[in-house]
Amino acid sequence: MTDLTGPILNTRRLVLRRWRDSDIEPMAAINADPEVMRWIGTGAVRDLEQTRSGIAAIERQWEVSGYGLFAIEERASGDLLGFTGLAVPYFLPEVMPAVEIAWRLGRRHWGQGIGTEASAAALAFGLIDRGLDRIIAIVQIGNDASERIMTKLGMHAERQTIDPATGRPLRVYEITRTGYLSASRD
């Protein structure tokens, strides 16, 4: 996985791009932080090999579907801040078929609007560039920071459910291309 070509999205502060080998260790550090992982699945942290395997799976998703999770690079420093982008939420069969927008940032980058800035670019990529009709977001109830991002993206709550693997309560948000386009004109 070395410098794969693919879409690159630029925002004011960020570059969203495909993954590089050099991203594995910084992403593993993010995945090893219990506070970052608190609202993901069971809340378990991930080690270097689990991160390497996860990034390889992300890259396979890119090759299969033409979308996936972008590495978020800070334009000014070149540092990896985390990820955002599109994935298929196989873990929640009741919402399938679906494409989910997701994000994960290192804790030192929280509260700076980076999640919203990066995810807004990824949402536009999915709905406009890739022509998806609908994108969902799934959040564990209690993760208020992620729910605020979903609301800022123009998404609205569609249902509450339970994660079948963990038993944790979830809220599913959604936005349609039509809704996104009409909100963009306002």
Protein backbone atom coordinates (compact mmCIF):
# COMPACT_ATOMS: atom_id res chain seq x y z
CA MET A 1 0.00 0.00 0.00
CA THR A 2 2.34 2.81 -0.98
CA ASP A 3 0.95 6.16 -2.11
CA LEU A 4 -2.07 4.79 -3.92
CA THR A 5 -3.63 7.17 -6.36
CA GLY A 6 -7.20 8.20 -5.99
CA PRO A 7 -9.30 11.16 -5.14
CA ILE A 8 -7.75 13.91 -3.07
CA LEU A 9 -10.02 16.42 -1.36
CA ASN A 10 -8.69 19.75 -0.13
CA THR A 11 -10.32 21.92 2.50
CA ARG A 12 -9.07 25.11 4.09
CA ARG A 13 -6.89 23.26 6.63
CA LEU A 14 -6.88 19.66 5.47
CA VAL A 15 -6.01 17.20 2.74
CA LEU A 16 -8.15 14.06 2.51
CA ARG A 17 -6.28 11.34 0.64
CA ARG A 18 -5.68 7.63 0.29
CA TRP A 19 -3.52 5.84 2.83
CA ARG A 20 0.28 5.51 2.90
CA ASP A 21 2.49 3.04 4.75
CA SER A 22 3.73 5.98 6.86
CA ASP A 23 0.17 6.49 8.19
CA ILE A 24 0.04 3.15 10.01
CA GLU A 25 2.00 4.12 13.13
CA PRO A 26 0.28 7.48 13.71
CA MET A 27 -3.14 5.87 13.18
CA ALA A 28 -2.19 3.07 15.57
CA ALA A 29 -1.40 5.71 18.20
CA ILE A 30 -4.88 7.20 17.69
CA ASN A 31 -6.48 3.73 17.88
CA ALA A 32 -4.55 2.95 21.10
CA ASP A 33 -6.16 5.85 22.98
CA PRO A 34 -9.02 4.53 25.16
CA GLU A 35 -10.78 7.91 25.09
CA VAL A 36 -10.77 7.96 21.26
CA MET A 37 -12.09 4.39 21.10
CA ARG A 38 -14.67 4.82 23.88
CA TRP A 39 -17.63 5.11 21.45
CA ILE A 40 -16.39 2.63 18.81
CA GLY A 41 -17.78 -0.91 18.98
CA THR A 42 -17.03 -2.32 22.43
CA GLY A 43 -14.64 0.51 23.22
CA ALA A 44 -11.58 -1.72 22.88
CA VAL A 45 -8.35 -0.12 21.70
CA ARG A 46 -6.49 -1.44 18.65
CA ASP A 47 -2.81 -2.24 18.31
CA LEU A 48 -0.37 -1.73 15.42
CA GLU A 49 -1.27 -4.98 13.63
CA GLN A 50 -5.02 -4.40 14.00
CA THR A 51 -4.52 -0.90 12.60
CA ARG A 52 -2.43 -2.22 9.70
CA SER A 53 -5.13 -4.78 8.92
CA GLY A 54 -7.86 -2.13 9.19
CA ILE A 55 -6.10 0.20 6.76
CA ALA A 56 -5.61 -2.68 4.32
CA ALA A 57 -9.37 -3.36 4.51
CA ILE A 58 -10.07 0.34 3.88
CA GLU A 59 -7.89 0.23 0.78
CA ARG A 60 -9.70 -2.90 -0.48
CA GLN A 61 -13.01 -1.02 -0.06
CA TRP A 62 -11.62 1.79 -2.22
CA GLU A 63 -10.68 -0.67 -4.95
CA VAL A 64 -14.07 -2.42 -4.90
CA SER A 65 -16.45 0.54 -4.66
CA GLY A 66 -14.58 3.71 -5.61
CA TYR A 67 -15.02 5.19 -2.14
CA GLY A 68 -13.68 4.56 1.32
CA LEU A 69 -12.18 6.21 4.36
CA PHE A 70 -9.74 9.03 3.64
CA ALA A 71 -6.64 9.68 5.72
CA ILE A 72 -6.92 13.24 7.11
CA GLU A 73 -3.67 15.15 6.77
CA GLU A 74 -3.17 18.59 8.25
CA ARG A 75 -2.14 20.86 5.40
CA ALA A 76 0.23 23.03 7.51
CA SER A 77 2.19 20.23 9.21
CA GLY A 78 1.61 17.14 7.05
CA ASP A 79 0.57 15.26 10.22
CA LEU A 80 -2.03 12.49 10.11
CA LEU A 81 -5.01 13.59 12.23
CA GLY A 82 -7.28 10.55 11.74
CA PHE A 83 -9.80 9.55 9.09
CA THR A 84 -13.15 10.37 7.57
CA GLY A 85 -15.09 9.02 4.63
CA LEU A 86 -17.46 6.36 3.49
CA ALA A 87 -17.87 2.74 4.54
CA VAL A 88 -20.46 -0.01 4.36
CA PRO A 89 -21.92 -0.67 7.85
CA TYR A 90 -22.07 -4.47 7.64
CA PHE A 91 -22.17 -4.64 11.45
CA LEU A 92 -25.76 -3.32 11.42
CA PRO A 93 -27.71 -5.51 8.95
CA GLU A 94 -31.03 -3.74 9.53
CA VAL A 95 -29.81 -0.60 7.68
CA MET A 96 -28.46 -2.44 4.66
CA PRO A 97 -27.98 -1.69 1.87
CA ALA A 98 -26.36 1.52 3.05
CA VAL A 99 -23.26 3.67 2.94
CA GLU A 100 -22.14 5.28 6.18
CA ILE A 101 -20.05 8.38 6.76
CA ALA A 102 -17.60 7.91 9.61
CA TRP A 103 -14.70 9.72 11.24
CA ARG A 104 -12.10 9.26 13.94
CA LEU A 105 -9.64 11.90 15.13
CA GLY A 106 -6.75 11.90 17.53
CA ARG A 107 -7.82 13.45 20.81
CA ARG A 108 -5.51 16.46 20.52
CA HIS A 109 -7.49 17.52 17.43
CA TRP A 110 -10.92 17.45 19.07
CA GLY A 111 -12.94 20.62 19.49
CA GLN A 112 -11.31 22.48 16.58
CA GLY A 113 -13.94 21.86 13.89
CA ILE A 114 -11.68 19.40 12.07
CA GLY A 115 -14.22 16.55 12.21
CA THR A 116 -16.92 18.74 10.70
CA GLU A 117 -14.61 20.25 8.06
CA ALA A 118 -13.27 16.88 6.94
CA SER A 119 -16.62 15.09 7.06
CA ALA A 120 -18.40 17.84 5.11
CA ALA A 121 -15.91 17.30 2.27
CA ALA A 122 -16.36 13.52 2.46
CA LEU A 123 -20.16 13.86 2.48
CA ALA A 124 -20.09 16.06 -0.65
CA PHE A 125 -17.74 13.53 -2.28
CA GLY A 126 -20.22 10.72 -1.64
CA LEU A 127 -23.40 12.53 -2.62
CA ILE A 128 -22.07 14.59 -5.53
CA ASP A 129 -18.90 12.97 -6.91
CA ARG A 130 -19.99 9.37 -6.35
CA GLY A 131 -23.71 10.03 -6.89
CA LEU A 132 -24.95 8.20 -3.81
CA ASP A 133 -28.65 8.81 -3.13
CA ARG A 134 -28.42 8.49 0.65
CA ILE A 135 -25.72 8.43 3.31
CA ILE A 136 -26.24 7.43 6.92
CA ALA A 137 -24.22 7.95 10.09
CA ILE A 138 -24.34 5.64 13.09
CA VAL A 139 -23.53 6.83 16.58
CA GLN A 140 -23.59 5.24 20.00
CA ILE A 141 -26.09 7.13 22.12
CA GLY A 142 -24.14 9.36 24.50
CA ASN A 143 -21.50 10.36 21.93
CA ASP A 144 -22.76 13.94 21.84
CA ALA A 145 -19.74 15.32 19.96
CA SER A 146 -20.37 13.03 16.98
CA GLU A 147 -24.09 13.79 17.04
CA ARG A 148 -23.26 17.52 16.84
CA ILE A 149 -21.17 16.86 13.72
CA MET A 150 -24.04 14.89 12.16
CA THR A 151 -26.41 17.78 12.80
CA LYS A 152 -23.91 20.31 11.37
CA LEU A 153 -23.69 18.13 8.24
CA GLY A 154 -27.46 18.52 7.80
CA MET A 155 -28.26 14.96 8.79
CA HIS A 156 -31.34 14.09 10.82
CA ALA A 157 -32.08 11.22 13.18
CA GLU A 158 -33.83 8.38 11.36
CA ARG A 159 -34.07 5.67 14.05
CA GLN A 160 -32.76 4.24 17.29
CA THR A 161 -31.62 0.65 17.51
CA ILE A 162 -29.17 -1.67 19.27
CA ASP A 163 -25.75 -2.78 18.03
CA PRO A 164 -26.25 -6.55 17.65
CA ALA A 165 -22.59 -7.27 18.48
CA THR A 166 -22.24 -5.12 21.60
CA GLY A 167 -25.77 -4.49 22.86
CA ARG A 168 -25.01 -0.76 22.96
CA PRO A 169 -27.81 1.64 21.94
CA LEU A 170 -27.34 3.40 18.61
CA ARG A 171 -28.92 6.29 16.74
CA VAL A 172 -28.92 6.28 12.92
CA TYR A 173 -28.83 9.61 11.10
CA GLU A 174 -29.39 10.11 7.38
CA ILE A 175 -29.21 12.62 4.57
CA THR A 176 -30.36 12.21 0.99
CA ARG A 177 -28.78 13.77 -2.07
CA THR A 178 -32.02 15.69 -2.68
CA GLY A 179 -32.02 17.02 0.89
CA TYR A 180 -28.33 17.89 0.68
CA LEU A 181 -28.77 19.78 -2.59
CA SER A 182 -31.81 21.70 -1.37
CA ALA A 183 -29.99 22.68 1.85
CA SER A 184 -26.96 23.78 -0.20
CA ARG A 185 -29.12 26.29 -2.06
CA ASP A 186 -30.51 27.88 1.10
